[in-house]
Amino acid sequence: MSDVINGSCLCGKVKFELRGPFNSFFVCHCSRCRKATGSAHASNIFTTPDNLSWTHGEDLIRDFKLESAKFFGRNFCAECGSPVPRVSEERNFAVIPAGTLDEDPGICPENIIFWDDRAHWYDEMSSAPHFAKYPDK
């Protein structure tokens, strides 16, 4: 892991730098995280806000807070809609979607949470055929 890890949204208009140390790395299978990511789980690295700095496109960041939840929210790029880091001022941490990082953060998930809420099809994925790219037709 380098001292500075670069990250960006899908279109590249929002860019950031991340520095360690990191507090934790969770993979979350709760229904909120599944809906927020459109996937089987969210993979989030937690750190302090001062370890995150925006290098481009901060004005494109939009924030969504789920009113029915005390702390759940997500930030995303207004151009491409992909997730970007979110700072929680009230809890003094930054949530970094691991998939937004352009480099290895040097940390692996240490906890898988809300396992009992995982998608019913999640366990079957490991037995599906694996391809390096699109499968041949």
C-alpha atoms as a PDB file:
ATOM      1  CA  MET A   1       0.000   0.000   0.000  1.00  0.00           C
ATOM      2  CA  SER A   2       1.282   3.457  -0.872  1.00  0.00           C
ATOM      3  CA  ASP A   3       0.973   6.405   1.499  1.00  0.00           C
ATOM      4  CA  VAL A   4      -1.773   7.898  -0.651  1.00  0.00           C
ATOM      5  CA  ILE A   5      -4.492   5.842  -2.295  1.00  0.00           C
ATOM      6  CA  ASN A   6      -6.412   7.414  -5.167  1.00  0.00           C
ATOM      7  CA  GLY A   7     -10.076   6.846  -5.779  1.00  0.00           C
ATOM      8  CA  SER A   8     -12.793   8.080  -8.088  1.00  0.00           C
ATOM      9  CA  CYS A   9     -16.362   7.643  -9.245  1.00  0.00           C
ATOM     10  CA  LEU A  10     -17.223   5.684 -12.384  1.00  0.00           C
ATOM     11  CA  CYS A  11     -17.014   8.671 -14.762  1.00  0.00           C
ATOM     12  CA  GLY A  12     -13.873  10.036 -13.077  1.00  0.00           C
ATOM     13  CA  LYS A  13     -15.282  13.509 -12.446  1.00  0.00           C
ATOM     14  CA  VAL A  14     -15.126  13.051  -8.660  1.00  0.00           C
ATOM     15  CA  LYS A  15     -11.660  12.151  -7.384  1.00  0.00           C
ATOM     16  CA  PHE A  16     -10.184  11.821  -3.939  1.00  0.00           C
ATOM     17  CA  GLU A  17      -7.110  10.797  -1.995  1.00  0.00           C
ATOM     18  CA  LEU A  18      -7.158   8.524   1.017  1.00  0.00           C
ATOM     19  CA  ARG A  19      -4.546   8.028   3.699  1.00  0.00           C
ATOM     20  CA  GLY A  20      -4.412   5.471   6.488  1.00  0.00           C
ATOM     21  CA  PRO A  21      -4.651   4.302   9.075  1.00  0.00           C
ATOM     22  CA  PHE A  22      -8.068   2.724   8.665  1.00  0.00           C
ATOM     23  CA  ASN A  23     -10.393   1.861  11.514  1.00  0.00           C
ATOM     24  CA  SER A  24     -12.161  -1.104   9.928  1.00  0.00           C
ATOM     25  CA  PHE A  25     -13.308  -2.786   6.729  1.00  0.00           C
ATOM     26  CA  PHE A  26     -16.793  -4.311   6.749  1.00  0.00           C
ATOM     27  CA  VAL A  27     -18.753  -6.236   4.179  1.00  0.00           C
ATOM     28  CA  CYS A  28     -22.429  -5.621   4.949  1.00  0.00           C
ATOM     29  CA  HIS A  29     -25.295  -7.786   3.709  1.00  0.00           C
ATOM     30  CA  CYS A  30     -28.164  -5.774   5.211  1.00  0.00           C
ATOM     31  CA  SER A  31     -31.068  -4.951   2.924  1.00  0.00           C
ATOM     32  CA  ARG A  32     -30.235  -1.229   2.989  1.00  0.00           C
ATOM     33  CA  CYS A  33     -26.686  -1.812   1.768  1.00  0.00           C
ATOM     34  CA  ARG A  34     -27.906  -4.235  -0.890  1.00  0.00           C
ATOM     35  CA  LYS A  35     -30.386  -1.660  -2.192  1.00  0.00           C
ATOM     36  CA  ALA A  36     -27.852   1.201  -1.993  1.00  0.00           C
ATOM     37  CA  THR A  37     -25.276  -0.720  -4.021  1.00  0.00           C
ATOM     38  CA  GLY A  38     -27.586  -2.757  -6.233  1.00  0.00           C
ATOM     39  CA  SER A  39     -25.445  -5.735  -5.350  1.00  0.00           C
ATOM     40  CA  ALA A  40     -25.184  -8.556  -2.820  1.00  0.00           C
ATOM     41  CA  HIS A  41     -23.417  -6.384  -0.248  1.00  0.00           C
ATOM     42  CA  ALA A  42     -21.582  -3.169   0.461  1.00  0.00           C
ATOM     43  CA  SER A  43     -17.812  -3.197   1.049  1.00  0.00           C
ATOM     44  CA  ASN A  44     -16.876  -0.181   3.156  1.00  0.00           C
ATOM     45  CA  ILE A  45     -13.650   1.010   4.719  1.00  0.00           C
ATOM     46  CA  PHE A  46     -14.015   3.273   7.750  1.00  0.00           C
ATOM     47  CA  THR A  47     -11.487   5.938   8.671  1.00  0.00           C
ATOM     48  CA  THR A  48     -11.358   9.416  10.152  1.00  0.00           C
ATOM     49  CA  PRO A  49     -12.496  12.382   8.028  1.00  0.00           C
ATOM     50  CA  ASP A  50      -9.014  13.936   8.034  1.00  0.00           C
ATOM     51  CA  ASN A  51      -7.692  10.915   6.073  1.00  0.00           C
ATOM     52  CA  LEU A  52      -9.892  11.843   3.104  1.00  0.00           C
ATOM     53  CA  SER A  53      -9.297  14.757   0.761  1.00  0.00           C
ATOM     54  CA  TRP A  54     -11.143  15.654  -2.418  1.00  0.00           C
ATOM     55  CA  THR A  55      -8.948  16.423  -5.432  1.00  0.00           C
ATOM     56  CA  HIS A  56     -11.598  17.004  -8.094  1.00  0.00           C
ATOM     57  CA  GLY A  57     -15.345  17.338  -8.494  1.00  0.00           C
ATOM     58  CA  GLU A  58     -16.427  17.828  -4.897  1.00  0.00           C
ATOM     59  CA  ASP A  59     -19.232  20.079  -6.179  1.00  0.00           C
ATOM     60  CA  LEU A  60     -20.706  17.061  -8.001  1.00  0.00           C
ATOM     61  CA  ILE A  61     -21.245  15.074  -4.814  1.00  0.00           C
ATOM     62  CA  ARG A  62     -24.841  14.564  -3.769  1.00  0.00           C
ATOM     63  CA  ASP A  63     -25.971  13.258  -0.413  1.00  0.00           C
ATOM     64  CA  PHE A  64     -28.883  10.979   0.408  1.00  0.00           C
ATOM     65  CA  LYS A  65     -29.946  10.239   3.969  1.00  0.00           C
ATOM     66  CA  LEU A  66     -32.585   7.627   4.617  1.00  0.00           C
ATOM     67  CA  GLU A  67     -35.134   9.339   6.856  1.00  0.00           C
ATOM     68  CA  SER A  68     -36.280   6.100   8.470  1.00  0.00           C
ATOM     69  CA  ALA A  69     -32.729   5.283   9.633  1.00  0.00           C
ATOM     70  CA  LYS A  70     -30.774   7.082  12.311  1.00  0.00           C
ATOM     71  CA  PHE A  71     -27.427   6.963  10.517  1.00  0.00           C
ATOM     72  CA  PHE A  72     -27.835   5.442   7.035  1.00  0.00           C
ATOM     73  CA  GLY A  73     -26.868   7.569   4.048  1.00  0.00           C
ATOM     74  CA  ARG A  74     -24.852   7.513   0.885  1.00  0.00           C
ATOM     75  CA  ASN A  75     -23.019   9.978  -1.297  1.00  0.00           C
ATOM     76  CA  PHE A  76     -22.874   9.694  -5.056  1.00  0.00           C
ATOM     77  CA  CYS A  77     -21.640  11.496  -8.152  1.00  0.00           C
ATOM     78  CA  ALA A  78     -24.322  13.677  -9.754  1.00  0.00           C
ATOM     79  CA  GLU A  79     -22.971  12.813 -13.221  1.00  0.00           C
ATOM     80  CA  CYS A  80     -22.727   9.014 -13.156  1.00  0.00           C
ATOM     81  CA  GLY A  81     -24.571   8.103  -9.951  1.00  0.00           C
ATOM     82  CA  SER A  82     -21.806   5.882  -8.639  1.00  0.00           C
ATOM     83  CA  PRO A  83     -20.989   5.910  -4.924  1.00  0.00           C
ATOM     84  CA  VAL A  84     -18.292   8.118  -3.468  1.00  0.00           C
ATOM     85  CA  PRO A  85     -17.021   8.459   0.108  1.00  0.00           C
ATOM     86  CA  ARG A  86     -19.286   9.946   2.742  1.00  0.00           C
ATOM     87  CA  VAL A  87     -18.246  11.833   5.853  1.00  0.00           C
ATOM     88  CA  SER A  88     -20.407  11.425   8.918  1.00  0.00           C
ATOM     89  CA  GLU A  89     -19.750  14.543  10.961  1.00  0.00           C
ATOM     90  CA  GLU A  90     -22.030  13.445  13.801  1.00  0.00           C
ATOM     91  CA  ARG A  91     -20.083  10.187  14.222  1.00  0.00           C
ATOM     92  CA  ASN A  92     -16.650  11.541  13.162  1.00  0.00           C
ATOM     93  CA  PHE A  93     -15.814   8.973  10.489  1.00  0.00           C
ATOM     94  CA  ALA A  94     -15.600   8.649   6.742  1.00  0.00           C
ATOM     95  CA  VAL A  95     -17.115   5.700   4.890  1.00  0.00           C
ATOM     96  CA  ILE A  96     -15.131   4.759   1.805  1.00  0.00           C
ATOM     97  CA  PRO A  97     -16.806   2.402  -0.691  1.00  0.00           C
ATOM     98  CA  ALA A  98     -13.922   0.002  -1.310  1.00  0.00           C
ATOM     99  CA  GLY A  99     -14.811  -0.401  -4.986  1.00  0.00           C
ATOM    100  CA  THR A 100     -14.109   3.281  -5.603  1.00  0.00           C
ATOM    101  CA  LEU A 101     -10.410   2.858  -4.820  1.00  0.00           C
ATOM    102  CA  ASP A 102      -8.016   2.774  -7.772  1.00  0.00           C
ATOM    103  CA  GLU A 103      -5.329   0.970  -5.777  1.00  0.00           C
ATOM    104  CA  ASP A 104      -4.998  -1.738  -3.147  1.00  0.00           C
ATOM    105  CA  PRO A 105      -5.823  -0.264   0.266  1.00  0.00           C
ATOM    106  CA  GLY A 106      -3.627  -2.844   1.989  1.00  0.00           C
ATOM    107  CA  ILE A 107      -6.501  -4.022   4.173  1.00  0.00           C
ATOM    108  CA  CYS A 108      -8.997  -6.851   3.728  1.00  0.00           C
ATOM    109  CA  PRO A 109     -12.498  -7.137   5.150  1.00  0.00           C
ATOM    110  CA  GLU A 110     -12.289  -8.083   8.802  1.00  0.00           C
ATOM    111  CA  ASN A 111     -15.990  -8.554   9.457  1.00  0.00           C
ATOM    112  CA  ILE A 112     -18.956  -9.653   7.402  1.00  0.00           C
ATOM    113  CA  ILE A 113     -22.036  -8.182   9.016  1.00  0.00           C
ATOM    114  CA  PHE A 114     -25.774  -8.855   8.675  1.00  0.00           C
ATOM    115  CA  TRP A 115     -24.901 -12.275   7.261  1.00  0.00           C
ATOM    116  CA  ASP A 116     -28.360 -13.638   8.033  1.00  0.00           C
ATOM    117  CA  ASP A 117     -29.849 -10.906   5.798  1.00  0.00           C
ATOM    118  CA  ARG A 118     -27.774 -11.865   2.737  1.00  0.00           C
ATOM    119  CA  ALA A 119     -29.509 -12.287  -0.617  1.00  0.00           C
ATOM    120  CA  HIS A 120     -30.972 -15.755  -1.055  1.00  0.00           C
ATOM    121  CA  TRP A 121     -28.876 -16.280  -4.210  1.00  0.00           C
ATOM    122  CA  TYR A 122     -25.561 -15.182  -2.669  1.00  0.00           C
ATOM    123  CA  ASP A 123     -24.372 -18.629  -1.554  1.00  0.00           C
ATOM    124  CA  GLU A 124     -25.008 -20.094  -5.005  1.00  0.00           C
ATOM    125  CA  MET A 125     -22.628 -17.677  -6.746  1.00  0.00           C
ATOM    126  CA  SER A 126     -19.494 -19.613  -5.847  1.00  0.00           C
ATOM    127  CA  SER A 127     -20.700 -22.653  -7.813  1.00  0.00           C
ATOM    128  CA  ALA A 128     -21.444 -20.648 -10.982  1.00  0.00           C
ATOM    129  CA  PRO A 129     -18.887 -20.878 -13.820  1.00  0.00           C
ATOM    130  CA  HIS A 130     -16.052 -18.338 -13.588  1.00  0.00           C
ATOM    131  CA  PHE A 131     -14.712 -16.415 -16.610  1.00  0.00           C
ATOM    132  CA  ALA A 132     -11.865 -13.906 -16.895  1.00  0.00           C
ATOM    133  CA  LYS A 133     -14.032 -11.816 -19.246  1.00  0.00           C
ATOM    134  CA  TYR A 134     -17.431 -12.219 -20.908  1.00  0.00           C
ATOM    135  CA  PRO A 135     -18.190 -15.877 -21.654  1.00  0.00           C
ATOM    136  CA  ASP A 136     -18.160 -17.018 -25.256  1.00  0.00           C
ATOM    137  CA  LYS A 137     -21.610 -17.143 -26.825  1.00  0.00           C
END
